[in-house]
Protein backbone atom coordinates (compact mmCIF):
# COMPACT_ATOMS: atom_id res chain seq x y z
CA UNK A 1 66.78 22.79 62.18
CA UNK A 2 65.23 24.81 59.12
CA UNK A 3 61.62 24.77 58.50
CA UNK A 4 60.97 23.35 54.93
CA UNK A 5 57.33 24.62 55.19
CA UNK A 6 54.02 22.71 55.47
CA UNK A 7 52.42 20.87 52.74
CA UNK A 8 49.03 22.48 53.76
CA UNK A 9 50.70 26.12 53.52
CA UNK A 10 52.31 25.18 49.98
CA UNK A 11 48.69 23.80 48.64
CA UNK A 12 47.28 27.17 49.85
CA UNK A 13 49.76 29.15 48.19
CA UNK A 14 49.23 27.51 44.64
CA UNK A 15 45.65 28.68 44.89
CA UNK A 16 42.41 27.73 43.26
CA UNK A 17 44.11 28.13 39.79
CA UNK A 18 46.00 25.04 40.14
CA UNK A 19 42.87 22.73 40.66
CA UNK A 20 41.84 20.47 37.75
CA UNK A 21 39.38 21.90 35.54
CA UNK A 22 35.77 20.67 35.52
CA UNK A 23 34.67 17.85 32.88
CA UNK A 24 32.13 19.59 30.66
CA UNK A 25 28.98 17.49 29.85
CA UNK A 26 27.42 18.73 26.80
CA UNK A 27 23.54 19.46 27.05
CA UNK A 28 21.64 16.98 24.73
CA UNK A 29 19.46 19.77 23.67
CA UNK A 30 22.00 21.92 22.32
CA UNK A 31 23.67 19.00 20.16
CA UNK A 32 23.02 19.59 16.54
CA UNK A 33 20.47 17.25 15.10
CA UNK A 34 21.58 14.40 13.20
CA UNK A 35 21.23 14.42 9.14
CA UNK A 36 18.40 12.28 8.00
CA UNK A 37 19.32 10.17 5.08
CA UNK A 38 16.53 8.81 2.95
CA UNK A 39 16.33 5.11 2.30
CA UNK A 40 16.45 4.41 -1.29
CA UNK A 41 13.82 1.73 -0.89
CA UNK A 42 11.46 4.28 0.52
CA UNK A 43 11.83 6.50 -2.56
CA UNK A 44 8.80 6.34 -4.72
CA UNK A 45 9.64 4.33 -7.78
CA UNK A 46 6.62 6.32 -9.47
CA UNK A 47 8.58 9.45 -9.08
CA UNK A 48 11.64 7.93 -10.73
CA UNK A 49 9.88 6.24 -13.70
CA UNK A 50 9.28 8.24 -16.79
CA UNK A 51 5.70 8.81 -17.87
CA UNK A 52 4.39 6.09 -19.99
CA UNK A 53 3.39 7.51 -23.65
CA UNK A 54 -0.34 7.48 -24.17
CA UNK A 55 -1.57 4.46 -26.02
CA UNK A 56 -2.08 4.61 -29.68
CA UNK A 57 -5.85 5.04 -31.00
CA UNK A 58 -7.43 2.18 -32.84
CA UNK A 59 -10.69 2.19 -34.63
CA UNK A 60 -13.56 0.39 -33.00
CA UNK A 61 -15.79 -2.27 -34.56
CA UNK A 62 -18.63 0.32 -34.90
CA UNK A 63 -16.11 2.93 -36.82
CA UNK A 64 -15.04 -0.21 -39.14
CA UNK A 65 -18.49 -1.26 -39.99
CA UNK A 66 -19.22 2.45 -40.92
CA UNK A 67 -16.13 2.31 -43.21
CA UNK A 68 -17.50 -0.77 -44.83
CA UNK A 69 -20.86 0.51 -45.62
CA UNK A 70 -19.30 3.73 -47.10
CA UNK A 71 -16.69 2.06 -49.06
CA UNK A 72 -17.69 -1.36 -49.79
CA UNK A 73 -21.62 -1.58 -50.04
CA UNK A 74 -21.17 -5.12 -51.94
CA UNK A 75 -19.86 -6.36 -48.39
CA UNK A 76 -22.97 -5.53 -46.56
CA UNK A 77 -23.22 -9.02 -45.14
CA UNK A 78 -20.03 -8.40 -43.40
CA UNK A 79 -19.76 -7.06 -39.93
CA UNK A 80 -16.95 -6.62 -37.47
CA UNK A 81 -17.43 -7.86 -33.83
CA UNK A 82 -14.06 -7.60 -32.42
CA UNK A 83 -10.93 -5.42 -33.35
CA UNK A 84 -7.91 -4.14 -31.74
CA UNK A 85 -4.31 -3.15 -33.07
CA UNK A 86 -3.37 -6.74 -33.49
CA UNK A 87 -6.30 -8.90 -34.24
CA UNK A 88 -9.76 -8.66 -35.87
CA UNK A 89 -12.99 -10.88 -35.84
CA UNK A 90 -15.62 -10.42 -38.72
CA UNK A 91 -18.78 -12.28 -39.06
CA UNK A 92 -20.37 -12.68 -42.63
CA UNK A 93 -23.99 -14.19 -43.46
CA UNK A 94 -23.06 -16.67 -45.88
CA UNK A 95 -26.30 -16.96 -47.39
CA UNK A 96 -26.10 -13.73 -48.77
CA UNK A 97 -22.75 -14.76 -50.86
CA UNK A 98 -22.34 -16.23 -54.14
CA UNK A 99 -21.99 -19.77 -54.44
CA UNK A 100 -20.94 -22.12 -56.93
CA UNK A 101 -22.52 -25.60 -57.90
CA UNK A 102 -22.98 -27.55 -55.15
CA UNK A 103 -23.76 -25.16 -52.67
CA UNK A 104 -20.23 -23.90 -51.43
CA UNK A 105 -19.20 -20.50 -50.96
CA UNK A 106 -17.00 -19.53 -54.16
CA UNK A 107 -13.50 -19.12 -53.97
CA UNK A 108 -13.66 -15.68 -54.90
CA UNK A 109 -15.99 -14.59 -52.25
CA UNK A 110 -13.63 -16.56 -49.76
CA UNK A 111 -10.52 -14.63 -50.82
CA UNK A 112 -12.60 -11.29 -50.48
CA UNK A 113 -13.37 -11.98 -46.96
CA UNK A 114 -9.88 -12.58 -46.02
CA UNK A 115 -8.82 -9.55 -47.86
CA UNK A 116 -11.58 -7.32 -46.45
CA UNK A 117 -10.60 -8.34 -42.85
CA UNK A 118 -7.05 -7.91 -43.35
CA UNK A 119 -7.87 -4.47 -44.80
CA UNK A 120 -9.85 -3.40 -41.97
CA UNK A 121 -7.39 -4.76 -39.30
CA UNK A 122 -4.58 -2.56 -41.01
CA UNK A 123 -7.02 0.42 -40.69
CA UNK A 124 -7.87 -0.26 -37.11
CA UNK A 125 -4.14 -0.44 -36.57
CA UNK A 126 -3.62 2.97 -38.30
CA UNK A 127 -6.39 4.44 -36.23
CA UNK A 128 -7.85 6.24 -38.86
CA UNK A 129 -9.78 5.40 -42.37
CA UNK A 130 -7.33 4.86 -44.98
CA UNK A 131 -9.19 3.61 -48.03
CA UNK A 132 -5.99 3.87 -50.19
CA UNK A 133 -4.10 1.06 -48.26
CA UNK A 134 -3.75 -1.42 -51.05
CA UNK A 135 -3.42 -5.11 -51.41
CA UNK A 136 0.20 -6.03 -52.63
CA UNK A 137 0.05 -9.84 -52.34
CA UNK A 138 -2.64 -12.52 -51.25
CA UNK A 139 -1.82 -16.13 -50.90
CA UNK A 140 -4.78 -18.38 -49.87
CA UNK A 141 -5.36 -21.93 -49.36
CA UNK A 142 -8.78 -23.49 -49.49
CA UNK A 143 -8.88 -26.30 -46.91
CA UNK A 144 -12.57 -27.13 -46.51
CA UNK A 145 -15.90 -26.37 -48.49
CA UNK A 146 -17.68 -23.78 -46.52
CA UNK A 147 -21.60 -24.20 -46.85
CA UNK A 148 -23.60 -21.22 -46.75
CA UNK A 149 -24.28 -20.04 -43.02
CA UNK A 150 -22.28 -17.93 -40.30
CA UNK A 151 -18.69 -17.61 -41.43
CA UNK A 152 -16.01 -15.92 -39.34
CA UNK A 153 -12.77 -14.49 -40.59
CA UNK A 154 -9.94 -13.86 -37.83
CA UNK A 155 -7.30 -11.77 -38.99
CA UNK A 156 -4.11 -11.38 -37.05
CA UNK A 157 -1.28 -8.97 -37.66
CA UNK A 158 2.00 -10.50 -38.48
CA UNK A 159 3.95 -7.51 -39.31
CA UNK A 160 3.20 -3.72 -39.04
CA UNK A 161 5.86 -1.81 -41.05
CA UNK A 162 5.96 1.79 -42.16
CA UNK A 163 5.05 0.93 -45.85
CA UNK A 164 4.16 -2.73 -45.64
CA UNK A 165 1.76 -4.87 -43.37
CA UNK A 166 1.38 -8.39 -43.33
CA UNK A 167 -1.81 -10.00 -42.15
CA UNK A 168 -2.61 -13.79 -41.45
CA UNK A 169 -6.31 -14.71 -41.94
CA UNK A 170 -8.34 -17.75 -41.24
CA UNK A 171 -11.85 -18.16 -42.47
CA UNK A 172 -14.13 -20.82 -40.73
CA UNK A 173 -17.70 -22.04 -41.20
CA UNK A 174 -20.40 -22.05 -38.69
CA UNK A 175 -19.15 -25.49 -37.25
CA UNK A 176 -15.75 -23.95 -36.51
CA UNK A 177 -14.01 -26.00 -39.19
CA UNK A 178 -11.31 -24.28 -41.10
CA UNK A 179 -12.23 -23.61 -44.42
CA UNK A 180 -9.37 -21.22 -46.04
CA UNK A 181 -6.19 -19.44 -44.65
CA UNK A 182 -4.44 -16.62 -46.20
CA UNK A 183 -1.44 -14.43 -46.02
CA UNK A 184 -2.32 -10.79 -47.16
CA UNK A 185 0.23 -7.89 -47.59
CA UNK A 186 -0.81 -4.42 -47.72
CA UNK A 187 0.87 -1.32 -48.82
CA UNK A 188 0.23 1.84 -46.59
CA UNK A 189 0.39 5.33 -48.02
CA UNK A 190 2.10 7.93 -45.82
CA UNK A 191 0.26 9.81 -42.94
CA UNK A 192 -2.18 12.10 -44.21
CA UNK A 193 -2.13 10.78 -47.73
CA UNK A 194 -5.17 8.86 -49.04
CA UNK A 195 -7.28 8.94 -46.16
CA UNK A 196 -10.59 10.05 -47.79
CA UNK A 197 -13.45 11.03 -45.71
CA UNK A 198 -13.60 9.69 -42.06
């Protein structure tokens, strides 16, 4: 009977090269770091938003009152108490204004007050003294008879265009009653023209 060989001898003959390779476990320290993707919600919105433009300058009440003193000495009884680029409040001492028979502030004086308030609001919005801003139309309605006393004129910018500005104005007496309402349109000269002295 022929010897076919022992299984142990066959395994020894194969040698260690036939043994299965060991499984390589990667070292966590040697693994590449994960790429960090920033969360869009965490990105600062301030960095994404464009820088806001600086606010346009407007004339202050003190600057407007100085303009009245220089250009309109006949209106020394008037004083601006509040002003912005959209509205203006002006007070006037009615005892220093002309009256008509019966002790009522005259119509021309009332029209002059709303016109002056509109002029000053346009100047405040322009941000520079502009004496050559001119009235192109004034429509006024006289509603009540204002007596001499403290008068308040409130002007509001309805439209501010490159050449024309429309202002709505209300004149009230000391009791707060509406004496007159007006719509005033002003023609604005180009920047740098007709500014006069500041």
